[in-house]
Amino acid sequence: MLVLSRQRDEVIMIGDDIEIAVCDIRGDKVRLGITAPKGISIHRKEIIDAIRRENRAASPDTPRCPACHKPFIDGETRIGTGDGTGTLYHPECASKLEVKAS
């Protein structure tokens, strides 16, 4: 990861097409302005992570907890051998599910 220091009204360039400007700094919050081509989507990481979690939970391929039937998604502990097998522990009901390589 490249870490840069910038002050208000200074700009960082990514390639030739993307500009990230420091618009304002208030306390511990920094407001950024981003200029990029229309084909580049720009989102906050926590929004993308939430969408991905919801998509995985809605997938019929997502394993379900045998006790409460909720999906096993981010946040579970997986103990495995590195070959795709292991055990998922469901944090809400303490159930476990054996997983086999597909």
PDB file of N, CA and C in Angstrom:
ATOM      1  N   MET A   1       0.843  -1.168   0.000  1.00  0.00           N
ATOM      2  CA  MET A   1       0.000   0.000   0.000  1.00  0.00           C
ATOM      3  C   MET A   1       0.892   1.236   0.000  1.00  0.00           C
ATOM      4  N   LEU A   2       0.600   2.144  -0.889  1.00  0.00           N
ATOM      5  CA  LEU A   2       1.284   3.428  -0.937  1.00  0.00           C
ATOM      6  C   LEU A   2       0.528   4.394  -0.033  1.00  0.00           C
ATOM      7  N   VAL A   3       1.226   5.043   0.880  1.00  0.00           N
ATOM      8  CA  VAL A   3       0.614   6.010   1.787  1.00  0.00           C
ATOM      9  C   VAL A   3       1.189   7.375   1.472  1.00  0.00           C
ATOM     10  N   LEU A   4       0.303   8.341   1.167  1.00  0.00           N
ATOM     11  CA  LEU A   4       0.722   9.692   0.821  1.00  0.00           C
ATOM     12  C   LEU A   4       0.108  10.690   1.786  1.00  0.00           C
ATOM     13  N   SER A   5       0.821  11.751   2.039  1.00  0.00           N
ATOM     14  CA  SER A   5       0.287  12.843   2.843  1.00  0.00           C
ATOM     15  C   SER A   5      -0.111  13.982   1.908  1.00  0.00           C
ATOM     16  N   ARG A   6      -1.278  14.531   2.124  1.00  0.00           N
ATOM     17  CA  ARG A   6      -1.764  15.642   1.323  1.00  0.00           C
ATOM     18  C   ARG A   6      -2.424  16.650   2.251  1.00  0.00           C
ATOM     19  N   GLN A   7      -2.420  17.887   1.814  1.00  0.00           N
ATOM     20  CA  GLN A   7      -3.119  18.943   2.534  1.00  0.00           C
ATOM     21  C   GLN A   7      -4.348  19.342   1.736  1.00  0.00           C
ATOM     22  N   ARG A   8      -5.204  20.152   2.353  1.00  0.00           N
ATOM     23  CA  ARG A   8      -6.418  20.619   1.676  1.00  0.00           C
ATOM     24  C   ARG A   8      -6.053  21.222   0.315  1.00  0.00           C
ATOM     25  N   ASP A   9      -6.866  20.902  -0.692  1.00  0.00           N
ATOM     26  CA  ASP A   9      -6.745  21.382  -2.071  1.00  0.00           C
ATOM     27  C   ASP A   9      -5.589  20.750  -2.851  1.00  0.00           C
ATOM     28  N   GLU A  10      -4.918  19.752  -2.282  1.00  0.00           N
ATOM     29  CA  GLU A  10      -3.898  19.044  -3.040  1.00  0.00           C
ATOM     30  C   GLU A  10      -4.526  17.803  -3.686  1.00  0.00           C
ATOM     31  N   VAL A  11      -3.901  17.348  -4.763  1.00  0.00           N
ATOM     32  CA  VAL A  11      -4.484  16.288  -5.593  1.00  0.00           C
ATOM     33  C   VAL A  11      -3.496  15.134  -5.740  1.00  0.00           C
ATOM     34  N   ILE A  12      -4.054  13.918  -5.797  1.00  0.00           N
ATOM     35  CA  ILE A  12      -3.295  12.707  -6.106  1.00  0.00           C
ATOM     36  C   ILE A  12      -3.815  12.199  -7.447  1.00  0.00           C
ATOM     37  N   MET A  13      -2.920  11.796  -8.325  1.00  0.00           N
ATOM     38  CA  MET A  13      -3.299  11.241  -9.623  1.00  0.00           C
ATOM     39  C   MET A  13      -3.100   9.729  -9.618  1.00  0.00           C
ATOM     40  N   ILE A  14      -4.060   9.003 -10.179  1.00  0.00           N
ATOM     41  CA  ILE A  14      -3.928   7.570 -10.418  1.00  0.00           C
ATOM     42  C   ILE A  14      -3.985   7.400 -11.927  1.00  0.00           C
ATOM     43  N   GLY A  15      -2.869   7.015 -12.504  1.00  0.00           N
ATOM     44  CA  GLY A  15      -2.785   6.972 -13.955  1.00  0.00           C
ATOM     45  C   GLY A  15      -2.960   8.380 -14.507  1.00  0.00           C
ATOM     46  N   ASP A  16      -3.494   8.471 -15.724  1.00  0.00           N
ATOM     47  CA  ASP A  16      -3.717   9.779 -16.346  1.00  0.00           C
ATOM     48  C   ASP A  16      -5.158  10.253 -16.192  1.00  0.00           C
ATOM     49  N   ASP A  17      -6.061   9.370 -15.731  1.00  0.00           N
ATOM     50  CA  ASP A  17      -7.487   9.667 -15.797  1.00  0.00           C
ATOM     51  C   ASP A  17      -8.177   9.882 -14.460  1.00  0.00           C
ATOM     52  N   ILE A  18      -7.545   9.518 -13.357  1.00  0.00           N
ATOM     53  CA  ILE A  18      -8.237   9.577 -12.070  1.00  0.00           C
ATOM     54  C   ILE A  18      -7.535  10.570 -11.152  1.00  0.00           C
ATOM     55  N   GLU A  19      -8.316  11.546 -10.653  1.00  0.00           N
ATOM     56  CA  GLU A  19      -7.809  12.539  -9.719  1.00  0.00           C
ATOM     57  C   GLU A  19      -8.533  12.394  -8.388  1.00  0.00           C
ATOM     58  N   ILE A  20      -7.781  12.422  -7.296  1.00  0.00           N
ATOM     59  CA  ILE A  20      -8.370  12.415  -5.967  1.00  0.00           C
ATOM     60  C   ILE A  20      -7.894  13.687  -5.270  1.00  0.00           C
ATOM     61  N   ALA A  21      -8.824  14.576  -4.967  1.00  0.00           N
ATOM     62  CA  ALA A  21      -8.504  15.854  -4.356  1.00  0.00           C
ATOM     63  C   ALA A  21      -8.960  15.871  -2.901  1.00  0.00           C
ATOM     64  N   VAL A  22      -8.156  16.447  -2.036  1.00  0.00           N
ATOM     65  CA  VAL A  22      -8.542  16.652  -0.643  1.00  0.00           C
ATOM     66  C   VAL A  22      -9.334  17.954  -0.612  1.00  0.00           C
ATOM     67  N   CYS A  23     -10.648  17.841  -0.427  1.00  0.00           N
ATOM     68  CA  CYS A  23     -11.527  19.011  -0.466  1.00  0.00           C
ATOM     69  C   CYS A  23     -11.617  19.720   0.878  1.00  0.00           C
ATOM     70  N   ASP A  24     -11.630  18.946   1.966  1.00  0.00           N
ATOM     71  CA  ASP A  24     -11.802  19.538   3.281  1.00  0.00           C
ATOM     72  C   ASP A  24     -11.308  18.573   4.342  1.00  0.00           C
ATOM     73  N   ILE A  25     -10.847  19.119   5.444  1.00  0.00           N
ATOM     74  CA  ILE A  25     -10.426  18.321   6.595  1.00  0.00           C
ATOM     75  C   ILE A  25     -11.071  18.955   7.819  1.00  0.00           C
ATOM     76  N   ARG A  26     -11.895  18.159   8.520  1.00  0.00           N
ATOM     77  CA  ARG A  26     -12.553  18.633   9.741  1.00  0.00           C
ATOM     78  C   ARG A  26     -12.364  17.580  10.822  1.00  0.00           C
ATOM     79  N   GLY A  27     -11.510  17.890  11.775  1.00  0.00           N
ATOM     80  CA  GLY A  27     -11.244  16.916  12.837  1.00  0.00           C
ATOM     81  C   GLY A  27     -10.629  15.663  12.259  1.00  0.00           C
ATOM     82  N   ASP A  28     -11.287  14.520  12.495  1.00  0.00           N
ATOM     83  CA  ASP A  28     -10.763  13.253  11.991  1.00  0.00           C
ATOM     84  C   ASP A  28     -11.424  12.832  10.679  1.00  0.00           C
ATOM     85  N   LYS A  29     -12.183  13.746  10.031  1.00  0.00           N
ATOM     86  CA  LYS A  29     -12.838  13.425   8.757  1.00  0.00           C
ATOM     87  C   LYS A  29     -12.170  14.182   7.614  1.00  0.00           C
ATOM     88  N   VAL A  30     -11.970  13.467   6.518  1.00  0.00           N
ATOM     89  CA  VAL A  30     -11.393  14.050   5.313  1.00  0.00           C
ATOM     90  C   VAL A  30     -12.422  13.916   4.202  1.00  0.00           C
ATOM     91  N   ARG A  31     -12.719  15.014   3.530  1.00  0.00           N
ATOM     92  CA  ARG A  31     -13.636  14.964   2.377  1.00  0.00           C
ATOM     93  C   ARG A  31     -12.797  14.925   1.109  1.00  0.00           C
ATOM     94  N   LEU A  32     -13.083  13.921   0.277  1.00  0.00           N
ATOM     95  CA  LEU A  32     -12.344  13.733  -0.960  1.00  0.00           C
ATOM     96  C   LEU A  32     -13.237  14.005  -2.147  1.00  0.00           C
ATOM     97  N   GLY A  33     -12.673  14.571  -3.184  1.00  0.00           N
ATOM     98  CA  GLY A  33     -13.349  14.722  -4.467  1.00  0.00           C
ATOM     99  C   GLY A  33     -12.642  13.839  -5.468  1.00  0.00           C
ATOM    100  N   ILE A  34     -13.411  13.043  -6.211  1.00  0.00           N
ATOM    101  CA  ILE A  34     -12.809  12.088  -7.141  1.00  0.00           C
ATOM    102  C   ILE A  34     -13.319  12.375  -8.543  1.00  0.00           C
ATOM    103  N   THR A  35     -12.399  12.541  -9.469  1.00  0.00           N
ATOM    104  CA  THR A  35     -12.729  12.708 -10.881  1.00  0.00           C
ATOM    105  C   THR A  35     -12.195  11.496 -11.618  1.00  0.00           C
ATOM    106  N   ALA A  36     -13.111  10.788 -12.305  1.00  0.00           N
ATOM    107  CA  ALA A  36     -12.712   9.566 -13.015  1.00  0.00           C
ATOM    108  C   ALA A  36     -13.591   9.400 -14.250  1.00  0.00           C
ATOM    109  N   PRO A  37     -13.143   8.611 -15.214  1.00  0.00           N
ATOM    110  CA  PRO A  37     -13.976   8.336 -16.386  1.00  0.00           C
ATOM    111  C   PRO A  37     -15.298   7.687 -15.979  1.00  0.00           C
ATOM    112  N   LYS A  38     -16.332   7.883 -16.780  1.00  0.00           N
ATOM    113  CA  LYS A  38     -17.667   7.350 -16.464  1.00  0.00           C
ATOM    114  C   LYS A  38     -17.673   5.835 -16.308  1.00  0.00           C
ATOM    115  N   GLY A  39     -16.784   5.127 -16.968  1.00  0.00           N
ATOM    116  CA  GLY A  39     -16.746   3.674 -16.889  1.00  0.00           C
ATOM    117  C   GLY A  39     -16.168   3.131 -15.591  1.00  0.00           C
ATOM    118  N   ILE A  40     -15.624   3.997 -14.757  1.00  0.00           N
ATOM    119  CA  ILE A  40     -15.035   3.584 -13.483  1.00  0.00           C
ATOM    120  C   ILE A  40     -16.073   3.796 -12.388  1.00  0.00           C
ATOM    121  N   SER A  41     -16.450   2.727 -11.690  1.00  0.00           N
ATOM    122  CA  SER A  41     -17.398   2.883 -10.582  1.00  0.00           C
ATOM    123  C   SER A  41     -16.625   3.209  -9.307  1.00  0.00           C
ATOM    124  N   ILE A  42     -17.186   4.106  -8.510  1.00  0.00           N
ATOM    125  CA  ILE A  42     -16.542   4.552  -7.278  1.00  0.00           C
ATOM    126  C   ILE A  42     -17.537   4.378  -6.141  1.00  0.00           C
ATOM    127  N   HIS A  43     -17.169   3.602  -5.140  1.00  0.00           N
ATOM    128  CA  HIS A  43     -18.037   3.333  -3.994  1.00  0.00           C
ATOM    129  C   HIS A  43     -17.197   3.265  -2.728  1.00  0.00           C
ATOM    130  N   ARG A  44     -17.824   3.538  -1.594  1.00  0.00           N
ATOM    131  CA  ARG A  44     -17.154   3.324  -0.309  1.00  0.00           C
ATOM    132  C   ARG A  44     -17.002   1.821  -0.097  1.00  0.00           C
ATOM    133  N   LYS A  45     -15.867   1.409   0.476  1.00  0.00           N
ATOM    134  CA  LYS A  45     -15.582  -0.018   0.650  1.00  0.00           C
ATOM    135  C   LYS A  45     -16.635  -0.716   1.496  1.00  0.00           C
ATOM    136  N   GLU A  46     -17.116  -0.079   2.569  1.00  0.00           N
ATOM    137  CA  GLU A  46     -18.092  -0.743   3.428  1.00  0.00           C
ATOM    138  C   GLU A  46     -19.404  -1.026   2.697  1.00  0.00           C
ATOM    139  N   ILE A  47     -19.752  -0.206   1.711  1.00  0.00           N
ATOM    140  CA  ILE A  47     -20.959  -0.448   0.906  1.00  0.00           C
ATOM    141  C   ILE A  47     -20.740  -1.663   0.007  1.00  0.00           C
ATOM    142  N   ILE A  48     -19.597  -1.716  -0.672  1.00  0.00           N
ATOM    143  CA  ILE A  48     -19.277  -2.871  -1.532  1.00  0.00           C
ATOM    144  C   ILE A  48     -19.247  -4.153  -0.702  1.00  0.00           C
ATOM    145  N   ASP A  49     -18.620  -4.110   0.483  1.00  0.00           N
ATOM    146  CA  ASP A  49     -18.554  -5.295   1.349  1.00  0.00           C
ATOM    147  C   ASP A  49     -19.952  -5.756   1.751  1.00  0.00           C
ATOM    148  N   ALA A  50     -20.847  -4.823   2.087  1.00  0.00           N
ATOM    149  CA  ALA A  50     -22.210  -5.185   2.481  1.00  0.00           C
ATOM    150  C   ALA A  50     -22.965  -5.819   1.316  1.00  0.00           C
ATOM    151  N   ILE A  51     -22.811  -5.276   0.127  1.00  0.00           N
ATOM    152  CA  ILE A  51     -23.477  -5.840  -1.059  1.00  0.00           C
ATOM    153  C   ILE A  51     -22.963  -7.254  -1.327  1.00  0.00           C
ATOM    154  N   ARG A  52     -21.661  -7.453  -1.223  1.00  0.00           N
ATOM    155  CA  ARG A  52     -21.093  -8.788  -1.456  1.00  0.00           C
ATOM    156  C   ARG A  52     -21.594  -9.786  -0.422  1.00  0.00           C
ATOM    157  N   ARG A  53     -21.669  -9.377   0.854  1.00  0.00           N
ATOM    158  CA  ARG A  53     -22.179 -10.270   1.906  1.00  0.00           C
ATOM    159  C   ARG A  53     -23.627 -10.661   1.616  1.00  0.00           C
ATOM    160  N   GLU A  54     -24.450  -9.676   1.243  1.00  0.00           N
ATOM    161  CA  GLU A  54     -25.854  -9.960   0.942  1.00  0.00           C
ATOM    162  C   GLU A  54     -25.988 -10.886  -0.258  1.00  0.00           C
ATOM    163  N   ASN A  55     -25.170 -10.671  -1.278  1.00  0.00           N
ATOM    164  CA  ASN A  55     -25.220 -11.541  -2.457  1.00  0.00           C
ATOM    165  C   ASN A  55     -24.815 -12.967  -2.111  1.00  0.00           C
ATOM    166  N   ARG A  56     -23.763 -13.125  -1.288  1.00  0.00           N
ATOM    167  CA  ARG A  56     -23.352 -14.475  -0.888  1.00  0.00           C
ATOM    168  C   ARG A  56     -24.429 -15.137  -0.037  1.00  0.00           C
ATOM    169  N   ALA A  57     -25.048 -14.378   0.857  1.00  0.00           N
ATOM    170  CA  ALA A  57     -26.089 -14.949   1.723  1.00  0.00           C
ATOM    171  C   ALA A  57     -27.293 -15.388   0.909  1.00  0.00           C
ATOM    172  N   ALA A  58     -27.594 -14.679  -0.166  1.00  0.00           N
ATOM    173  CA  ALA A  58     -28.753 -15.006  -0.991  1.00  0.00           C
ATOM    174  C   ALA A  58     -28.485 -16.139  -1.973  1.00  0.00           C
ATOM    175  N   SER A  59     -27.229 -16.491  -2.175  1.00  0.00           N
ATOM    176  CA  SER A  59     -26.872 -17.525  -3.134  1.00  0.00           C
ATOM    177  C   SER A  59     -27.333 -18.899  -2.645  1.00  0.00           C
ATOM    178  N   PRO A  60     -27.894 -19.712  -3.547  1.00  0.00           N
ATOM    179  CA  PRO A  60     -28.288 -21.060  -3.144  1.00  0.00           C
ATOM    180  C   PRO A  60     -27.083 -21.950  -2.820  1.00  0.00           C
ATOM    181  N   ASP A  61     -25.881 -21.541  -3.231  1.00  0.00           N
ATOM    182  CA  ASP A  61     -24.672 -22.318  -2.959  1.00  0.00           C
ATOM    183  C   ASP A  61     -24.079 -22.034  -1.585  1.00  0.00           C
ATOM    184  N   THR A  62     -24.601 -21.011  -0.890  1.00  0.00           N
ATOM    185  CA  THR A  62     -24.081 -20.665   0.425  1.00  0.00           C
ATOM    186  C   THR A  62     -24.535 -21.705   1.438  1.00  0.00           C
ATOM    187  N   PRO A  63     -23.593 -22.335   2.170  1.00  0.00           N
ATOM    188  CA  PRO A  63     -24.009 -23.331   3.165  1.00  0.00           C
ATOM    189  C   PRO A  63     -24.824 -22.690   4.281  1.00  0.00           C
ATOM    190  N   ARG A  64     -25.830 -23.430   4.771  1.00  0.00           N
ATOM    191  CA  ARG A  64     -26.717 -22.946   5.828  1.00  0.00           C
ATOM    192  C   ARG A  64     -26.432 -23.681   7.128  1.00  0.00           C
ATOM    193  N   CYS A  65     -26.622 -22.976   8.222  1.00  0.00           N
ATOM    194  CA  CYS A  65     -26.456 -23.564   9.542  1.00  0.00           C
ATOM    195  C   CYS A  65     -27.517 -24.647   9.742  1.00  0.00           C
ATOM    196  N   PRO A  66     -27.136 -25.840  10.167  1.00  0.00           N
ATOM    197  CA  PRO A  66     -28.123 -26.902  10.358  1.00  0.00           C
ATOM    198  C   PRO A  66     -29.092 -26.629  11.507  1.00  0.00           C
ATOM    199  N   ALA A  67     -28.723 -25.776  12.438  1.00  0.00           N
ATOM    200  CA  ALA A  67     -29.589 -25.508  13.593  1.00  0.00           C
ATOM    201  C   ALA A  67     -30.574 -24.359  13.332  1.00  0.00           C
ATOM    202  N   CYS A  68     -30.061 -23.219  12.833  1.00  0.00           N
ATOM    203  CA  CYS A  68     -30.934 -22.046  12.690  1.00  0.00           C
ATOM    204  C   CYS A  68     -31.236 -21.708  11.233  1.00  0.00           C
ATOM    205  N   HIS A  69     -30.628 -22.392  10.279  1.00  0.00           N
ATOM    206  CA  HIS A  69     -30.848 -22.242   8.836  1.00  0.00           C
ATOM    207  C   HIS A  69     -30.403 -20.898   8.275  1.00  0.00           C
ATOM    208  N   LYS A  70     -29.661 -20.120   9.063  1.00  0.00           N
ATOM    209  CA  LYS A  70     -29.094 -18.879   8.546  1.00  0.00           C
ATOM    210  C   LYS A  70     -27.836 -19.224   7.766  1.00  0.00           C
ATOM    211  N   PRO A  71     -27.453 -18.364   6.790  1.00  0.00           N
ATOM    212  CA  PRO A  71     -26.275 -18.685   5.980  1.00  0.00           C
ATOM    213  C   PRO A  71     -24.972 -18.520   6.749  1.00  0.00           C
ATOM    214  N   PHE A  72     -24.001 -19.376   6.434  1.00  0.00           N
ATOM    215  CA  PHE A  72     -22.635 -19.193   6.899  1.00  0.00           C
ATOM    216  C   PHE A  72     -21.996 -18.186   5.951  1.00  0.00           C
ATOM    217  N   ILE A  73     -21.704 -16.996   6.437  1.00  0.00           N
ATOM    218  CA  ILE A  73     -21.046 -15.976   5.609  1.00  0.00           C
ATOM    219  C   ILE A  73     -19.893 -15.374   6.395  1.00  0.00           C
ATOM    220  N   ASP A  74     -19.388 -14.209   5.968  1.00  0.00           N
ATOM    221  CA  ASP A  74     -18.228 -13.592   6.612  1.00  0.00           C
ATOM    222  C   ASP A  74     -18.371 -13.581   8.117  1.00  0.00           C
ATOM    223  N   GLY A  75     -17.284 -13.860   8.793  1.00  0.00           N
ATOM    224  CA  GLY A  75     -17.261 -13.775  10.241  1.00  0.00           C
ATOM    225  C   GLY A  75     -17.220 -15.118  10.938  1.00  0.00           C
ATOM    226  N   GLU A  76     -17.471 -16.215  10.231  1.00  0.00           N
ATOM    227  CA  GLU A  76     -17.403 -17.530  10.862  1.00  0.00           C
ATOM    228  C   GLU A  76     -15.956 -17.999  10.916  1.00  0.00           C
ATOM    229  N   THR A  77     -15.693 -18.855  11.832  1.00  0.00           N
ATOM    230  CA  THR A  77     -14.366 -19.455  11.948  1.00  0.00           C
ATOM    231  C   THR A  77     -14.346 -20.719  11.109  1.00  0.00           C
ATOM    232  N   ARG A  78     -13.344 -20.855  10.271  1.00  0.00           N
ATOM    233  CA  ARG A  78     -13.214 -22.064   9.460  1.00  0.00           C
ATOM    234  C   ARG A  78     -11.904 -22.740   9.812  1.00  0.00           C
ATOM    235  N   ILE A  79     -12.001 -23.960  10.244  1.00  0.00           N
ATOM    236  CA  ILE A  79     -10.821 -24.770  10.533  1.00  0.00           C
ATOM    237  C   ILE A  79     -10.694 -25.752   9.383  1.00  0.00           C
ATOM    238  N   GLY A  80      -9.581 -25.740   8.675  1.00  0.00           N
ATOM    239  CA  GLY A  80      -9.472 -26.619   7.518  1.00  0.00           C
ATOM    240  C   GLY A  80      -8.055 -27.083   7.267  1.00  0.00           C
ATOM    241  N   THR A  81      -7.929 -27.878   6.220  1.00  0.00           N
ATOM    242  CA  THR A  81      -6.638 -28.468   5.881  1.00  0.00           C
ATOM    243  C   THR A  81      -6.003 -27.795   4.680  1.00  0.00           C
ATOM    244  N   GLY A  82      -6.659 -26.792   4.105  1.00  0.00           N
ATOM    245  CA  GLY A  82      -6.125 -26.131   2.924  1.00  0.00           C
ATOM    246  C   GLY A  82      -6.578 -26.772   1.632  1.00  0.00           C
ATOM    247  N   ASP A  83      -7.317 -27.876   1.725  1.00  0.00           N
ATOM    248  CA  ASP A  83      -7.784 -28.555   0.512  1.00  0.00           C
ATOM    249  C   ASP A  83      -9.279 -28.334   0.272  1.00  0.00           C
ATOM    250  N   GLY A  84      -9.877 -27.346   0.919  1.00  0.00           N
ATOM    251  CA  GLY A  84     -11.295 -27.066   0.734  1.00  0.00           C
ATOM    252  C   GLY A  84     -12.193 -27.772   1.722  1.00  0.00           C
ATOM    253  N   THR A  85     -11.627 -28.546   2.621  1.00  0.00           N
ATOM    254  CA  THR A  85     -12.436 -29.211   3.634  1.00  0.00           C
ATOM    255  C   THR A  85     -12.218 -28.519   4.971  1.00  0.00           C
ATOM    256  N   GLY A  86     -13.122 -28.703   5.899  1.00  0.00           N
ATOM    257  CA  GLY A  86     -12.955 -28.104   7.212  1.00  0.00           C
ATOM    258  C   GLY A  86     -14.286 -27.994   7.924  1.00  0.00           C
ATOM    259  N   THR A  87     -14.321 -27.142   8.933  1.00  0.00           N
ATOM    260  CA  THR A  87     -15.523 -26.965   9.734  1.00  0.00           C
ATOM    261  C   THR A  87     -15.853 -25.483   9.840  1.00  0.00           C
ATOM    262  N   LEU A  88     -17.101 -25.139   9.593  1.00  0.00           N
ATOM    263  CA  LEU A  88     -17.590 -23.777   9.803  1.00  0.00           C
ATOM    264  C   LEU A  88     -18.312 -23.736  11.143  1.00  0.00           C
ATOM    265  N   TYR A  89     -17.992 -22.754  11.968  1.00  0.00           N
ATOM    266  CA  TYR A  89     -18.673 -22.570  13.252  1.00  0.00           C
ATOM    267  C   TYR A  89     -19.576 -21.356  13.151  1.00  0.00           C
ATOM    268  N   HIS A  90     -20.867 -21.541  13.401  1.00  0.00           N
ATOM    269  CA  HIS A  90     -21.826 -20.444  13.300  1.00  0.00           C
ATOM    270  C   HIS A  90     -21.794 -19.622  14.587  1.00  0.00           C
ATOM    271  N   PRO A  91     -21.539 -18.303  14.497  1.00  0.00           N
ATOM    272  CA  PRO A  91     -21.351 -17.494  15.695  1.00  0.00           C
ATOM    273  C   PRO A  91     -22.626 -17.270  16.518  1.00  0.00           C
ATOM    274  N   GLU A  92     -23.783 -17.322  15.898  1.00  0.00           N
ATOM    275  CA  GLU A  92     -25.018 -17.013  16.619  1.00  0.00           C
ATOM    276  C   GLU A  92     -25.546 -18.177  17.439  1.00  0.00           C
ATOM    277  N   CYS A  93     -25.410 -19.398  16.937  1.00  0.00           N
ATOM    278  CA  CYS A  93     -25.996 -20.525  17.650  1.00  0.00           C
ATOM    279  C   CYS A  93     -24.964 -21.595  18.015  1.00  0.00           C
ATOM    280  N   ALA A  94     -23.700 -21.331  17.735  1.00  0.00           N
ATOM    281  CA  ALA A  94     -22.596 -22.233  18.070  1.00  0.00           C
ATOM    282  C   ALA A  94     -22.695 -23.592  17.382  1.00  0.00           C
ATOM    283  N   SER A  95     -23.417 -23.671  16.274  1.00  0.00           N
ATOM    284  CA  SER A  95     -23.482 -24.912  15.506  1.00  0.00           C
ATOM    285  C   SER A  95     -22.254 -25.007  14.610  1.00  0.00           C
ATOM    286  N   LYS A  96     -21.993 -26.198  14.109  1.00  0.00           N
ATOM    287  CA  LYS A  96     -20.897 -26.372  13.187  1.00  0.00           C
ATOM    288  C   LYS A  96     -21.349 -27.181  11.989  1.00  0.00           C
ATOM    289  N   LEU A  97     -20.639 -26.990  10.889  1.00  0.00           N
ATOM    290  CA  LEU A  97     -20.965 -27.657   9.630  1.00  0.00           C
ATOM    291  C   LEU A  97     -19.660 -28.127   8.999  1.00  0.00           C
ATOM    292  N   GLU A  98     -19.587 -29.406   8.678  1.00  0.00           N
ATOM    293  CA  GLU A  98     -18.420 -29.950   8.007  1.00  0.00           C
ATOM    294  C   GLU A  98     -18.505 -29.571   6.531  1.00  0.00           C
ATOM    295  N   VAL A  99     -17.402 -29.109   5.972  1.00  0.00           N
ATOM    296  CA  VAL A  99     -17.353 -28.667   4.568  1.00  0.00           C
ATOM    297  C   VAL A  99     -16.388 -29.563   3.811  1.00  0.00           C
ATOM    298  N   LYS A 100     -16.826 -30.005   2.633  1.00  0.00           N
ATOM    299  CA  LYS A 100     -15.982 -30.853   1.796  1.00  0.00           C
ATOM    300  C   LYS A 100     -15.634 -30.110   0.521  1.00  0.00           C
ATOM    301  N   ALA A 101     -14.495 -30.431  -0.069  1.00  0.00           N
ATOM    302  CA  ALA A 101     -14.071 -29.801  -1.322  1.00  0.00           C
ATOM    303  C   ALA A 101     -15.079 -30.121  -2.414  1.00  0.00           C
ATOM    304  N   SER A 102     -15.314 -29.131  -3.263  1.00  0.00           N
ATOM    305  CA  SER A 102     -16.253 -29.361  -4.381  1.00  0.00           C
ATOM    306  C   SER A 102     -15.550 -29.669  -5.659  1.00  0.00           C
TER     307      SER A 102
END
